[in-house]
């Protein structure tokens, strides 16, 4: 399980660098079937998503997110 979080952290770090780079242009991120992730992984990913939308995060208005899932309580709570 630790390897999974390490990989997610590494990938999420790359995404954040892309979002901060003024040369990257508009960024579209599609996360499909979030409800099909294991709850532990899903919780971690939801925290990462919330971090992107915090006011102090510099995205430059170039970030679009489309997230699809069934209405699960934990997902609705975090979003």
N, C-alpha and C. Protein backbone atom coordinates (compact mmCIF):
# COMPACT_ATOMS: atom_id res chain seq x y z
N UNK A 1 0.83 -1.19 0.00
CA UNK A 1 0.00 0.00 0.00
C UNK A 1 0.87 1.26 0.00
N UNK A 2 2.02 1.20 0.67
CA UNK A 2 2.90 2.37 0.72
C UNK A 2 3.38 2.76 -0.68
N UNK A 3 3.66 1.77 -1.52
CA UNK A 3 4.10 2.05 -2.89
C UNK A 3 3.03 2.80 -3.66
N UNK A 4 1.76 2.45 -3.43
CA UNK A 4 0.66 3.12 -4.11
C UNK A 4 0.65 4.60 -3.74
N UNK A 5 0.76 4.92 -2.45
CA UNK A 5 0.75 6.31 -2.02
C UNK A 5 1.98 7.06 -2.54
N UNK A 6 3.11 6.40 -2.57
CA UNK A 6 4.32 7.02 -3.10
C UNK A 6 4.12 7.37 -4.57
N UNK A 7 3.53 6.46 -5.34
CA UNK A 7 3.28 6.72 -6.75
C UNK A 7 2.27 7.84 -6.94
N UNK A 8 1.21 7.85 -6.15
CA UNK A 8 0.21 8.91 -6.24
C UNK A 8 0.85 10.25 -5.88
N UNK A 9 1.64 10.28 -4.83
CA UNK A 9 2.31 11.52 -4.43
C UNK A 9 3.24 12.01 -5.54
N UNK A 10 3.97 11.11 -6.15
CA UNK A 10 4.89 11.50 -7.23
C UNK A 10 4.11 12.06 -8.41
N UNK A 11 3.07 11.36 -8.83
CA UNK A 11 2.26 11.83 -9.95
C UNK A 11 1.57 13.15 -9.63
N UNK A 12 1.06 13.26 -8.42
CA UNK A 12 0.37 14.49 -8.03
C UNK A 12 1.37 15.66 -7.98
N UNK A 13 2.58 15.39 -7.53
CA UNK A 13 3.61 16.42 -7.53
C UNK A 13 3.91 16.93 -8.93
N UNK A 14 3.94 16.02 -9.89
CA UNK A 14 4.16 16.40 -11.29
C UNK A 14 3.00 17.27 -11.77
N UNK A 15 1.78 16.87 -11.45
CA UNK A 15 0.61 17.65 -11.85
C UNK A 15 0.68 19.06 -11.27
N UNK A 16 1.03 19.18 -10.00
CA UNK A 16 1.12 20.50 -9.37
C UNK A 16 2.18 21.37 -10.05
N UNK A 17 3.30 20.76 -10.44
CA UNK A 17 4.34 21.51 -11.15
C UNK A 17 3.82 22.00 -12.50
N UNK A 18 3.06 21.17 -13.18
CA UNK A 18 2.47 21.57 -14.46
C UNK A 18 1.50 22.73 -14.25
N UNK A 19 0.68 22.64 -13.21
CA UNK A 19 -0.30 23.70 -12.94
C UNK A 19 0.37 25.03 -12.60
N UNK A 20 1.53 24.98 -11.98
CA UNK A 20 2.25 26.20 -11.60
C UNK A 20 3.08 26.79 -12.74
N UNK A 21 3.33 26.00 -13.75
CA UNK A 21 4.17 26.44 -14.86
C UNK A 21 3.36 27.33 -15.81
N UNK A 22 3.74 28.60 -15.94
CA UNK A 22 2.97 29.50 -16.82
C UNK A 22 3.04 29.12 -18.30
N UNK A 23 3.99 28.29 -18.67
CA UNK A 23 4.13 27.88 -20.07
C UNK A 23 3.28 26.66 -20.42
N UNK A 24 2.66 26.04 -19.42
CA UNK A 24 1.92 24.80 -19.69
C UNK A 24 0.57 25.04 -20.34
N UNK A 25 0.05 26.26 -20.31
CA UNK A 25 -1.25 26.51 -20.92
C UNK A 25 -2.37 25.92 -20.08
N UNK A 26 -3.51 25.74 -20.72
CA UNK A 26 -4.68 25.22 -20.00
C UNK A 26 -4.51 23.72 -19.76
N UNK A 27 -4.87 23.28 -18.55
CA UNK A 27 -4.73 21.88 -18.15
C UNK A 27 -6.11 21.30 -17.87
N UNK A 28 -6.40 20.16 -18.47
CA UNK A 28 -7.65 19.46 -18.24
C UNK A 28 -7.32 18.14 -17.56
N UNK A 29 -8.01 17.86 -16.46
CA UNK A 29 -7.79 16.62 -15.74
C UNK A 29 -9.12 15.89 -15.62
N UNK A 30 -9.15 14.65 -16.06
CA UNK A 30 -10.34 13.81 -15.99
C UNK A 30 -10.07 12.66 -15.04
N UNK A 31 -10.87 12.56 -14.00
CA UNK A 31 -10.80 11.44 -13.08
C UNK A 31 -12.12 10.71 -13.20
N UNK A 32 -12.09 9.51 -13.73
CA UNK A 32 -13.30 8.74 -13.99
C UNK A 32 -13.44 7.61 -12.98
N UNK A 33 -14.67 7.39 -12.54
CA UNK A 33 -15.01 6.26 -11.67
C UNK A 33 -14.27 6.30 -10.33
N UNK A 34 -14.23 7.46 -9.73
CA UNK A 34 -13.56 7.60 -8.43
C UNK A 34 -14.15 6.66 -7.39
N UNK A 35 -15.44 6.39 -7.50
CA UNK A 35 -16.10 5.50 -6.55
C UNK A 35 -15.58 4.06 -6.62
N UNK A 36 -14.90 3.72 -7.68
CA UNK A 36 -14.38 2.36 -7.83
C UNK A 36 -13.00 2.18 -7.20
N UNK A 37 -12.41 3.25 -6.73
CA UNK A 37 -11.13 3.15 -6.01
C UNK A 37 -11.39 2.60 -4.60
N UNK A 38 -10.39 1.95 -4.04
CA UNK A 38 -10.49 1.52 -2.65
C UNK A 38 -10.64 2.76 -1.78
N UNK A 39 -11.40 2.65 -0.70
CA UNK A 39 -11.69 3.82 0.14
C UNK A 39 -10.44 4.52 0.65
N UNK A 40 -9.44 3.76 1.00
CA UNK A 40 -8.20 4.35 1.51
C UNK A 40 -7.51 5.18 0.42
N UNK A 41 -7.41 4.64 -0.77
CA UNK A 41 -6.80 5.36 -1.90
C UNK A 41 -7.64 6.55 -2.29
N UNK A 42 -8.94 6.36 -2.28
CA UNK A 42 -9.87 7.42 -2.65
C UNK A 42 -9.76 8.60 -1.69
N UNK A 43 -9.65 8.31 -0.41
CA UNK A 43 -9.53 9.36 0.60
C UNK A 43 -8.26 10.18 0.36
N UNK A 44 -7.19 9.50 0.06
CA UNK A 44 -5.91 10.17 -0.21
C UNK A 44 -6.02 11.06 -1.46
N UNK A 45 -6.62 10.53 -2.51
CA UNK A 45 -6.77 11.30 -3.74
C UNK A 45 -7.70 12.50 -3.54
N UNK A 46 -8.75 12.34 -2.75
CA UNK A 46 -9.66 13.45 -2.47
C UNK A 46 -8.95 14.57 -1.71
N UNK A 47 -8.06 14.21 -0.82
CA UNK A 47 -7.26 15.23 -0.12
C UNK A 47 -6.38 15.99 -1.10
N UNK A 48 -5.79 15.27 -2.04
CA UNK A 48 -4.95 15.92 -3.05
C UNK A 48 -5.77 16.86 -3.92
N UNK A 49 -6.95 16.43 -4.32
CA UNK A 49 -7.83 17.27 -5.13
C UNK A 49 -8.21 18.53 -4.36
N UNK A 50 -8.56 18.38 -3.10
CA UNK A 50 -8.95 19.54 -2.28
C UNK A 50 -7.80 20.54 -2.19
N UNK A 51 -6.58 20.04 -2.12
CA UNK A 51 -5.40 20.90 -2.02
C UNK A 51 -5.28 21.82 -3.25
N UNK A 52 -5.62 21.30 -4.41
CA UNK A 52 -5.52 22.09 -5.64
C UNK A 52 -6.48 23.27 -5.61
N UNK A 53 -7.60 23.11 -4.93
CA UNK A 53 -8.62 24.16 -4.92
C UNK A 53 -8.52 25.10 -3.72
N UNK A 54 -7.48 24.97 -2.92
CA UNK A 54 -7.29 25.89 -1.80
C UNK A 54 -6.89 27.25 -2.36
N UNK A 55 -7.36 28.33 -1.72
CA UNK A 55 -7.12 29.69 -2.25
C UNK A 55 -5.65 30.04 -2.48
N UNK A 56 -4.75 29.55 -1.63
CA UNK A 56 -3.34 29.92 -1.79
C UNK A 56 -2.62 29.15 -2.89
N UNK A 57 -3.29 28.17 -3.49
CA UNK A 57 -2.67 27.41 -4.57
C UNK A 57 -2.72 28.24 -5.85
N UNK A 58 -1.57 28.47 -6.46
CA UNK A 58 -1.50 29.27 -7.67
C UNK A 58 -1.71 28.38 -8.90
N UNK A 59 -2.90 28.46 -9.48
CA UNK A 59 -3.21 27.70 -10.69
C UNK A 59 -3.32 28.60 -11.90
N UNK A 60 -3.41 29.91 -11.66
CA UNK A 60 -3.48 30.84 -12.77
C UNK A 60 -4.77 30.74 -13.57
N UNK A 61 -5.80 30.08 -13.05
CA UNK A 61 -7.07 29.99 -13.76
C UNK A 61 -7.04 29.11 -14.99
N UNK A 62 -6.03 28.26 -15.11
CA UNK A 62 -5.87 27.44 -16.31
C UNK A 62 -6.20 25.97 -16.06
N UNK A 63 -6.93 25.68 -15.01
CA UNK A 63 -7.13 24.29 -14.60
C UNK A 63 -8.61 23.94 -14.63
N UNK A 64 -8.94 22.87 -15.34
CA UNK A 64 -10.31 22.36 -15.40
C UNK A 64 -10.28 20.91 -14.92
N UNK A 65 -11.23 20.56 -14.06
CA UNK A 65 -11.31 19.21 -13.51
C UNK A 65 -12.69 18.64 -13.79
N UNK A 66 -12.73 17.43 -14.33
CA UNK A 66 -13.97 16.69 -14.50
C UNK A 66 -13.81 15.39 -13.73
N UNK A 67 -14.66 15.19 -12.75
CA UNK A 67 -14.60 14.02 -11.90
C UNK A 67 -15.93 13.30 -11.99
N UNK A 68 -15.90 12.01 -12.30
CA UNK A 68 -17.13 11.24 -12.37
C UNK A 68 -17.12 10.16 -11.30
N UNK A 69 -18.29 9.93 -10.72
CA UNK A 69 -18.42 8.89 -9.70
C UNK A 69 -19.89 8.71 -9.33
N UNK A 70 -20.16 7.61 -8.69
CA UNK A 70 -21.49 7.42 -8.10
C UNK A 70 -21.53 8.22 -6.81
N UNK A 71 -22.73 8.55 -6.35
CA UNK A 71 -22.83 9.37 -5.12
C UNK A 71 -22.51 8.56 -3.86
N UNK A 72 -21.26 8.55 -3.49
CA UNK A 72 -20.81 7.89 -2.26
C UNK A 72 -20.68 8.95 -1.17
N UNK A 73 -21.01 8.59 0.07
CA UNK A 73 -21.01 9.55 1.17
C UNK A 73 -19.65 10.21 1.38
N UNK A 74 -18.59 9.43 1.37
CA UNK A 74 -17.27 10.00 1.64
C UNK A 74 -16.83 10.96 0.53
N UNK A 75 -17.18 10.66 -0.70
CA UNK A 75 -16.83 11.54 -1.81
C UNK A 75 -17.61 12.85 -1.70
N UNK A 76 -18.89 12.77 -1.44
CA UNK A 76 -19.70 13.98 -1.29
C UNK A 76 -19.21 14.83 -0.12
N UNK A 77 -18.81 14.19 0.95
CA UNK A 77 -18.31 14.92 2.11
C UNK A 77 -17.05 15.73 1.75
N UNK A 78 -16.12 15.09 1.07
CA UNK A 78 -14.85 15.76 0.74
C UNK A 78 -15.01 16.83 -0.34
N UNK A 79 -15.97 16.63 -1.23
CA UNK A 79 -16.13 17.60 -2.32
C UNK A 79 -17.12 18.67 -1.94
